[in-house]
Amino acid sequence: MSSTEHRISIVGIGSSFGADAIGLNIVHQLAAEHLQQDYPEISLEFVLCESPALLPGQIAGADTVILIDGMVSTTKPGTIHELSIEDLADEHSTTSSHAMDIVLAINLSRALDDFKLMILGVSVGADTESDTLDLALSRAYSVVLGKVLEQCSYCAIKNISPHRINELRPR
């Protein structure tokens, strides 16, 4: 990776068990897509974070961070919610069982590094039965993939050198 290359960390947050695993599962599937070969102008990193306390070390040096976490909500399982830190910090928020820990971890990370942040909450519905989780995962995956590809494309275009642009022009 060159020092001018844009680095995107795609982070699944949660435990390996139950509804909280949906962020980890989505990032695991994204990693299997081999997206890096489609975006040589940027560096992609797929991170499975089972504790918000580990987050600052896992995303150190990233230019863009995409956090994916499960959330209990009344929306359909698989619904994607783009959230802000303020949403997570809201004491009445139902976005995550460890929302405040994530807020503290993000704030610490931002004190150390400046990065663009996208937080994607994946609704697991109000019922966390395994059938519901499978449905949530299948509904959410394509939407999350689309958002990740959009970020990758944007960052890749920003990072293409003028020399590379000339190589890519149709002849």
C-alpha atoms as a PDB file:
ATOM      1  CA  MET A   1       0.000   0.000   0.000  1.00  0.00           C
ATOM      2  CA  SER A   2       1.412   3.385  -0.959  1.00  0.00           C
ATOM      3  CA  SER A   3       1.247   6.201   1.573  1.00  0.00           C
ATOM      4  CA  THR A   4      -1.247   8.071  -0.629  1.00  0.00           C
ATOM      5  CA  GLU A   5      -3.601   5.114  -0.985  1.00  0.00           C
ATOM      6  CA  HIS A   6      -7.001   5.573   0.663  1.00  0.00           C
ATOM      7  CA  ARG A   7      -7.665   2.932   3.320  1.00  0.00           C
ATOM      8  CA  ILE A   8     -11.214   1.758   4.064  1.00  0.00           C
ATOM      9  CA  SER A   9     -11.873  -0.374   7.139  1.00  0.00           C
ATOM     10  CA  ILE A  10     -15.142  -2.289   6.996  1.00  0.00           C
ATOM     11  CA  VAL A  11     -15.937  -3.383  10.533  1.00  0.00           C
ATOM     12  CA  GLY A  12     -18.506  -5.858  11.752  1.00  0.00           C
ATOM     13  CA  ILE A  13     -19.248  -5.324  15.430  1.00  0.00           C
ATOM     14  CA  GLY A  14     -20.845  -7.911  17.689  1.00  0.00           C
ATOM     15  CA  SER A  15     -20.436 -11.217  19.397  1.00  0.00           C
ATOM     16  CA  SER A  16     -20.370 -14.543  17.626  1.00  0.00           C
ATOM     17  CA  PHE A  17     -23.701 -15.567  19.150  1.00  0.00           C
ATOM     18  CA  GLY A  18     -27.324 -14.794  18.350  1.00  0.00           C
ATOM     19  CA  ALA A  19     -28.639 -11.576  16.891  1.00  0.00           C
ATOM     20  CA  ASP A  20     -25.458  -9.698  17.739  1.00  0.00           C
ATOM     21  CA  ALA A  21     -23.517 -11.721  15.145  1.00  0.00           C
ATOM     22  CA  ILE A  22     -25.204 -10.129  12.111  1.00  0.00           C
ATOM     23  CA  GLY A  23     -22.541  -7.407  11.670  1.00  0.00           C
ATOM     24  CA  LEU A  24     -19.778 -10.002  11.857  1.00  0.00           C
ATOM     25  CA  ASN A  25     -21.596 -12.268   9.386  1.00  0.00           C
ATOM     26  CA  ILE A  26     -22.090  -9.474   6.858  1.00  0.00           C
ATOM     27  CA  VAL A  27     -18.426  -8.437   6.997  1.00  0.00           C
ATOM     28  CA  HIS A  28     -17.354 -12.070   6.681  1.00  0.00           C
ATOM     29  CA  GLN A  29     -19.476 -12.355   3.502  1.00  0.00           C
ATOM     30  CA  LEU A  30     -18.124  -9.043   2.158  1.00  0.00           C
ATOM     31  CA  ALA A  31     -14.569 -10.287   2.633  1.00  0.00           C
ATOM     32  CA  ALA A  32     -15.415 -13.379   0.563  1.00  0.00           C
ATOM     33  CA  GLU A  33     -16.377 -11.116  -2.387  1.00  0.00           C
ATOM     34  CA  HIS A  34     -12.688 -10.314  -3.052  1.00  0.00           C
ATOM     35  CA  LEU A  35     -13.531  -6.638  -3.611  1.00  0.00           C
ATOM     36  CA  GLN A  36      -9.902  -5.540  -3.369  1.00  0.00           C
ATOM     37  CA  GLN A  37      -9.126  -6.795  -6.873  1.00  0.00           C
ATOM     38  CA  ASP A  38     -11.823  -4.482  -8.276  1.00  0.00           C
ATOM     39  CA  TYR A  39     -10.402  -1.437  -6.471  1.00  0.00           C
ATOM     40  CA  PRO A  40      -6.586  -1.423  -6.799  1.00  0.00           C
ATOM     41  CA  GLU A  41      -6.471   2.334  -6.105  1.00  0.00           C
ATOM     42  CA  ILE A  42      -7.568   1.860  -2.490  1.00  0.00           C
ATOM     43  CA  SER A  43      -6.833  -0.504   0.361  1.00  0.00           C
ATOM     44  CA  LEU A  44      -9.715  -2.515   1.823  1.00  0.00           C
ATOM     45  CA  GLU A  45      -9.583  -4.065   5.247  1.00  0.00           C
ATOM     46  CA  PHE A  46     -12.281  -6.336   6.682  1.00  0.00           C
ATOM     47  CA  VAL A  47     -12.386  -6.363  10.474  1.00  0.00           C
ATOM     48  CA  LEU A  48     -14.367  -8.563  12.851  1.00  0.00           C
ATOM     49  CA  CYS A  49     -14.640  -6.697  16.148  1.00  0.00           C
ATOM     50  CA  GLU A  50     -16.116  -8.638  19.046  1.00  0.00           C
ATOM     51  CA  SER A  51     -15.481  -5.877  21.590  1.00  0.00           C
ATOM     52  CA  PRO A  52     -15.756  -2.113  21.109  1.00  0.00           C
ATOM     53  CA  ALA A  53     -12.654  -1.783  23.327  1.00  0.00           C
ATOM     54  CA  LEU A  54     -10.623  -3.315  20.463  1.00  0.00           C
ATOM     55  CA  LEU A  55     -11.960  -0.893  17.846  1.00  0.00           C
ATOM     56  CA  PRO A  56      -9.376   1.923  18.129  1.00  0.00           C
ATOM     57  CA  GLY A  57      -6.481  -0.456  17.483  1.00  0.00           C
ATOM     58  CA  GLN A  58      -8.310  -2.253  14.692  1.00  0.00           C
ATOM     59  CA  ILE A  59      -9.096   0.890  12.679  1.00  0.00           C
ATOM     60  CA  ALA A  60      -5.945   2.922  13.381  1.00  0.00           C
ATOM     61  CA  GLY A  61      -4.785   4.654  10.214  1.00  0.00           C
ATOM     62  CA  ALA A  62      -8.036   4.207   8.274  1.00  0.00           C
ATOM     63  CA  ASP A  63      -9.281   7.063   6.101  1.00  0.00           C
ATOM     64  CA  THR A  64     -12.848   5.745   5.974  1.00  0.00           C
ATOM     65  CA  VAL A  65     -14.526   3.447   8.488  1.00  0.00           C
ATOM     66  CA  ILE A  66     -17.783   1.614   7.792  1.00  0.00           C
ATOM     67  CA  LEU A  67     -19.220   0.087  10.977  1.00  0.00           C
ATOM     68  CA  ILE A  68     -21.899  -2.594  10.646  1.00  0.00           C
ATOM     69  CA  ASP A  69     -23.818  -3.643  13.750  1.00  0.00           C
ATOM     70  CA  GLY A  70     -27.068  -5.414  14.531  1.00  0.00           C
ATOM     71  CA  MET A  71     -29.881  -3.520  16.196  1.00  0.00           C
ATOM     72  CA  VAL A  72     -33.172  -4.483  17.762  1.00  0.00           C
ATOM     73  CA  SER A  73     -35.940  -2.354  16.282  1.00  0.00           C
ATOM     74  CA  THR A  74     -39.553  -2.419  15.218  1.00  0.00           C
ATOM     75  CA  THR A  75     -38.547  -2.152  11.556  1.00  0.00           C
ATOM     76  CA  LYS A  76     -38.496  -5.194   9.275  1.00  0.00           C
ATOM     77  CA  PRO A  77     -35.557  -7.529   9.849  1.00  0.00           C
ATOM     78  CA  GLY A  78     -32.809  -6.595   7.418  1.00  0.00           C
ATOM     79  CA  THR A  79     -33.707  -2.905   7.253  1.00  0.00           C
ATOM     80  CA  ILE A  80     -30.557  -0.775   7.130  1.00  0.00           C
ATOM     81  CA  HIS A  81     -30.387   2.377   9.240  1.00  0.00           C
ATOM     82  CA  GLU A  82     -27.631   4.903   8.548  1.00  0.00           C
ATOM     83  CA  LEU A  83     -26.794   6.216  11.992  1.00  0.00           C
ATOM     84  CA  SER A  84     -24.753   9.014  13.473  1.00  0.00           C
ATOM     85  CA  ILE A  85     -22.743   8.973  16.680  1.00  0.00           C
ATOM     86  CA  GLU A  86     -25.520  11.092  18.158  1.00  0.00           C
ATOM     87  CA  ASP A  87     -28.017   8.330  17.330  1.00  0.00           C
ATOM     88  CA  LEU A  88     -25.855   5.830  19.183  1.00  0.00           C
ATOM     89  CA  ALA A  89     -25.305   8.133  22.133  1.00  0.00           C
ATOM     90  CA  ASP A  90     -29.013   8.844  22.571  1.00  0.00           C
ATOM     91  CA  GLU A  91     -29.903   7.262  25.872  1.00  0.00           C
ATOM     92  CA  HIS A  92     -33.274   6.161  24.490  1.00  0.00           C
ATOM     93  CA  SER A  93     -31.682   4.567  21.452  1.00  0.00           C
ATOM     94  CA  THR A  94     -32.276   0.884  20.772  1.00  0.00           C
ATOM     95  CA  THR A  95     -29.595   0.726  18.120  1.00  0.00           C
ATOM     96  CA  SER A  96     -27.224  -1.593  19.926  1.00  0.00           C
ATOM     97  CA  SER A  97     -26.753  -3.428  23.175  1.00  0.00           C
ATOM     98  CA  HIS A  98     -23.303  -1.845  23.439  1.00  0.00           C
ATOM     99  CA  ALA A  99     -23.992   1.546  21.820  1.00  0.00           C
ATOM    100  CA  MET A 100     -22.261   3.661  24.441  1.00  0.00           C
ATOM    101  CA  ASP A 101     -19.152   1.475  24.301  1.00  0.00           C
ATOM    102  CA  ILE A 102     -19.057   1.998  20.536  1.00  0.00           C
ATOM    103  CA  VAL A 103     -19.451   5.764  20.977  1.00  0.00           C
ATOM    104  CA  LEU A 104     -16.534   5.851  23.415  1.00  0.00           C
ATOM    105  CA  ALA A 105     -14.421   3.691  21.090  1.00  0.00           C
ATOM    106  CA  ILE A 106     -15.223   5.881  18.063  1.00  0.00           C
ATOM    107  CA  ASN A 107     -14.476   9.075  19.982  1.00  0.00           C
ATOM    108  CA  LEU A 108     -11.150   7.648  21.159  1.00  0.00           C
ATOM    109  CA  SER A 109     -10.334   6.559  17.598  1.00  0.00           C
ATOM    110  CA  ARG A 110     -11.168  10.014  16.269  1.00  0.00           C
ATOM    111  CA  ALA A 111      -8.930  11.612  18.891  1.00  0.00           C
ATOM    112  CA  LEU A 112      -6.079   9.546  17.442  1.00  0.00           C
ATOM    113  CA  ASP A 113      -6.981   9.676  13.723  1.00  0.00           C
ATOM    114  CA  ASP A 114      -9.282  11.687  11.488  1.00  0.00           C
ATOM    115  CA  PHE A 115     -11.531   9.498   9.329  1.00  0.00           C
ATOM    116  CA  LYS A 116     -14.843   9.533   7.510  1.00  0.00           C
ATOM    117  CA  LEU A 117     -17.403   7.415   9.354  1.00  0.00           C
ATOM    118  CA  MET A 118     -20.464   5.519   8.167  1.00  0.00           C
ATOM    119  CA  ILE A 119     -22.477   3.559  10.735  1.00  0.00           C
ATOM    120  CA  LEU A 120     -24.924   0.979   9.393  1.00  0.00           C
ATOM    121  CA  GLY A 121     -27.379  -0.513  11.862  1.00  0.00           C
ATOM    122  CA  VAL A 122     -28.972  -3.732  10.613  1.00  0.00           C
ATOM    123  CA  SER A 123     -32.397  -4.379  12.095  1.00  0.00           C
ATOM    124  CA  VAL A 124     -32.868  -7.848  13.489  1.00  0.00           C
ATOM    125  CA  GLY A 125     -36.468  -6.916  14.282  1.00  0.00           C
ATOM    126  CA  ALA A 126     -37.955  -7.191  17.738  1.00  0.00           C
ATOM    127  CA  ASP A 127     -37.779 -10.998  17.664  1.00  0.00           C
ATOM    128  CA  THR A 128     -34.306 -12.515  17.638  1.00  0.00           C
ATOM    129  CA  GLU A 129     -35.224 -16.054  16.589  1.00  0.00           C
ATOM    130  CA  SER A 130     -32.802 -17.733  14.168  1.00  0.00           C
ATOM    131  CA  ASP A 131     -35.300 -17.687  11.266  1.00  0.00           C
ATOM    132  CA  THR A 132     -35.630 -13.934  11.693  1.00  0.00           C
ATOM    133  CA  LEU A 133     -31.862 -13.529  11.754  1.00  0.00           C
ATOM    134  CA  ASP A 134     -31.431 -15.491   8.535  1.00  0.00           C
ATOM    135  CA  LEU A 135     -34.075 -13.312   6.905  1.00  0.00           C
ATOM    136  CA  ALA A 136     -32.418 -10.139   8.224  1.00  0.00           C
ATOM    137  CA  LEU A 137     -29.045 -11.242   6.880  1.00  0.00           C
ATOM    138  CA  SER A 138     -30.367 -12.081   3.416  1.00  0.00           C
ATOM    139  CA  ARG A 139     -32.302  -8.788   3.154  1.00  0.00           C
ATOM    140  CA  ALA A 140     -29.490  -6.632   4.502  1.00  0.00           C
ATOM    141  CA  TYR A 141     -26.542  -8.059   2.617  1.00  0.00           C
ATOM    142  CA  SER A 142     -27.240  -6.598  -0.826  1.00  0.00           C
ATOM    143  CA  VAL A 143     -28.025  -3.155   0.611  1.00  0.00           C
ATOM    144  CA  VAL A 144     -24.830  -3.120   2.677  1.00  0.00           C
ATOM    145  CA  LEU A 145     -22.827  -4.394  -0.305  1.00  0.00           C
ATOM    146  CA  GLY A 146     -24.238  -1.535  -2.403  1.00  0.00           C
ATOM    147  CA  LYS A 147     -23.227   1.043   0.211  1.00  0.00           C
ATOM    148  CA  VAL A 148     -19.732  -0.441   0.503  1.00  0.00           C
ATOM    149  CA  LEU A 149     -19.292  -0.460  -3.286  1.00  0.00           C
ATOM    150  CA  GLU A 150     -20.470   3.149  -3.455  1.00  0.00           C
ATOM    151  CA  GLN A 151     -17.822   4.172  -0.895  1.00  0.00           C
ATOM    152  CA  CYS A 152     -15.140   2.130  -2.670  1.00  0.00           C
ATOM    153  CA  SER A 153     -15.975   3.695  -6.030  1.00  0.00           C
ATOM    154  CA  TYR A 154     -15.974   7.208  -4.599  1.00  0.00           C
ATOM    155  CA  CYS A 155     -12.633   6.725  -2.848  1.00  0.00           C
ATOM    156  CA  ALA A 156     -11.064   4.961  -5.833  1.00  0.00           C
ATOM    157  CA  ILE A 157     -12.041   7.789  -8.175  1.00  0.00           C
ATOM    158  CA  LYS A 158     -10.545  10.330  -5.770  1.00  0.00           C
ATOM    159  CA  ASN A 159      -7.307   8.336  -5.619  1.00  0.00           C
ATOM    160  CA  ILE A 160      -6.708   7.608  -9.290  1.00  0.00           C
ATOM    161  CA  SER A 161      -3.573   9.382 -10.415  1.00  0.00           C
ATOM    162  CA  PRO A 162      -3.681  11.488 -13.614  1.00  0.00           C
ATOM    163  CA  HIS A 163      -1.377   8.910 -15.236  1.00  0.00           C
ATOM    164  CA  ARG A 164      -3.828   6.097 -14.337  1.00  0.00           C
ATOM    165  CA  ILE A 165      -6.765   8.152 -15.677  1.00  0.00           C
ATOM    166  CA  ASN A 166      -5.032   8.320 -19.053  1.00  0.00           C
ATOM    167  CA  GLU A 167      -4.548   4.546 -18.994  1.00  0.00           C
ATOM    168  CA  LEU A 168      -8.257   4.002 -18.291  1.00  0.00           C
ATOM    169  CA  ARG A 169      -9.547   6.306 -21.050  1.00  0.00           C
ATOM    170  CA  PRO A 170     -11.136   4.497 -23.972  1.00  0.00           C
ATOM    171  CA  ARG A 171      -9.093   4.732 -27.138  1.00  0.00           C
END
